[in-house]
Amino acid sequence: MARLLARKDRGGLVPRTAARQQHDRRVGLISPTGTGLAKQTRVYSALFETDDQALRGFSAKEIDLPLDPPRRLVANPGENPD
């Protein structure tokens, strides 16, 4: 994660600033720049377009079916057996 953030910082997309905790250099604050937000919007748009193309012709049930087992795996530990 640190390397990824360093690259984004160098690219001017997500600058890092030191947090108030001077005793721990691992703590820092990040926030996207306007350029970073614009690129994020373009990336999301491309991802959604690709998904739409790949899933063309599938019904909602067909799309949802493979996702059901992982969703249940995540939900099961939080369920109360009582």
Protein backbone atom coordinates (compact mmCIF):
# COMPACT_ATOMS: atom_id res chain seq x y z
CA MET A 1 0.00 0.00 0.00
CA ALA A 2 2.84 2.37 0.86
CA ARG A 3 4.42 1.95 -2.59
CA LEU A 4 1.09 2.47 -4.32
CA LEU A 5 0.46 5.66 -2.37
CA ALA A 6 4.02 6.86 -3.05
CA ARG A 7 3.44 6.45 -6.81
CA LYS A 8 0.12 8.27 -6.61
CA ASP A 9 1.78 11.05 -4.60
CA ARG A 10 4.58 11.41 -7.17
CA GLY A 11 1.96 11.53 -9.92
CA GLY A 12 0.12 14.35 -8.18
CA LEU A 13 -3.02 12.26 -7.71
CA VAL A 14 -3.11 11.63 -3.96
CA PRO A 15 -0.71 13.81 -1.96
CA ARG A 16 0.27 12.61 1.49
CA THR A 17 0.67 14.88 4.49
CA ALA A 18 1.93 14.03 7.95
CA ALA A 19 -0.68 13.51 10.63
CA ARG A 20 -0.51 15.21 14.00
CA GLN A 21 0.97 12.11 15.66
CA GLN A 22 4.64 13.07 15.44
CA HIS A 23 5.73 9.92 17.27
CA ASP A 24 4.56 7.59 14.49
CA ARG A 25 5.69 8.36 10.94
CA ARG A 26 3.44 5.61 9.59
CA VAL A 27 0.37 7.76 10.22
CA GLY A 28 -0.45 10.10 7.39
CA LEU A 29 -3.37 11.76 5.69
CA ILE A 30 -4.25 11.32 2.04
CA SER A 31 -6.81 13.03 -0.14
CA PRO A 32 -7.28 13.00 -3.89
CA THR A 33 -6.47 16.04 -5.97
CA GLY A 34 -8.78 17.35 -8.66
CA THR A 35 -6.66 15.51 -11.23
CA GLY A 36 -6.95 12.32 -9.17
CA LEU A 37 -10.73 12.62 -8.94
CA ALA A 38 -11.01 13.25 -12.69
CA LYS A 39 -8.94 10.16 -13.45
CA GLN A 40 -11.01 8.11 -11.00
CA THR A 41 -14.17 9.17 -12.83
CA ARG A 42 -12.71 8.12 -16.19
CA VAL A 43 -11.53 4.76 -14.79
CA TYR A 44 -14.92 4.00 -13.24
CA SER A 45 -16.63 4.92 -16.50
CA ALA A 46 -14.38 2.53 -18.44
CA LEU A 47 -14.97 -0.25 -15.89
CA PHE A 48 -18.74 0.14 -16.03
CA GLU A 49 -18.68 0.20 -19.83
CA THR A 50 -16.59 -2.99 -19.89
CA ASP A 51 -18.95 -4.68 -17.42
CA ASP A 52 -21.94 -3.67 -19.54
CA GLN A 53 -20.33 -5.14 -22.65
CA ALA A 54 -19.28 -8.37 -20.92
CA LEU A 55 -22.68 -8.93 -19.30
CA ARG A 56 -24.76 -8.09 -22.38
CA GLY A 57 -27.46 -10.72 -22.83
CA PHE A 58 -27.30 -12.06 -19.25
CA SER A 59 -30.37 -11.83 -17.04
CA ALA A 60 -30.12 -10.26 -13.58
CA LYS A 61 -30.55 -13.74 -12.09
CA GLU A 62 -27.67 -15.13 -14.16
CA ILE A 63 -25.42 -12.26 -13.07
CA ASP A 64 -26.37 -12.62 -9.41
CA LEU A 65 -26.13 -16.43 -9.20
CA PRO A 66 -22.31 -16.78 -8.99
CA LEU A 67 -22.18 -14.01 -6.38
CA ASP A 68 -24.57 -15.70 -3.95
CA PRO A 69 -22.12 -18.17 -2.30
CA PRO A 70 -19.43 -15.53 -1.55
CA ARG A 71 -22.09 -13.18 -0.18
CA ARG A 72 -23.35 -15.91 2.14
CA LEU A 73 -19.78 -16.72 3.25
CA VAL A 74 -19.34 -13.11 4.29
CA ALA A 75 -22.75 -12.87 5.96
CA ASN A 76 -22.66 -16.19 7.87
CA PRO A 77 -20.21 -15.25 10.64
CA GLY A 78 -22.34 -12.22 11.55
CA GLU A 79 -25.58 -14.16 11.82
CA ASN A 80 -26.94 -14.96 15.27
CA PRO A 81 -27.79 -18.69 15.54
CA ASP A 82 -30.41 -18.09 18.29
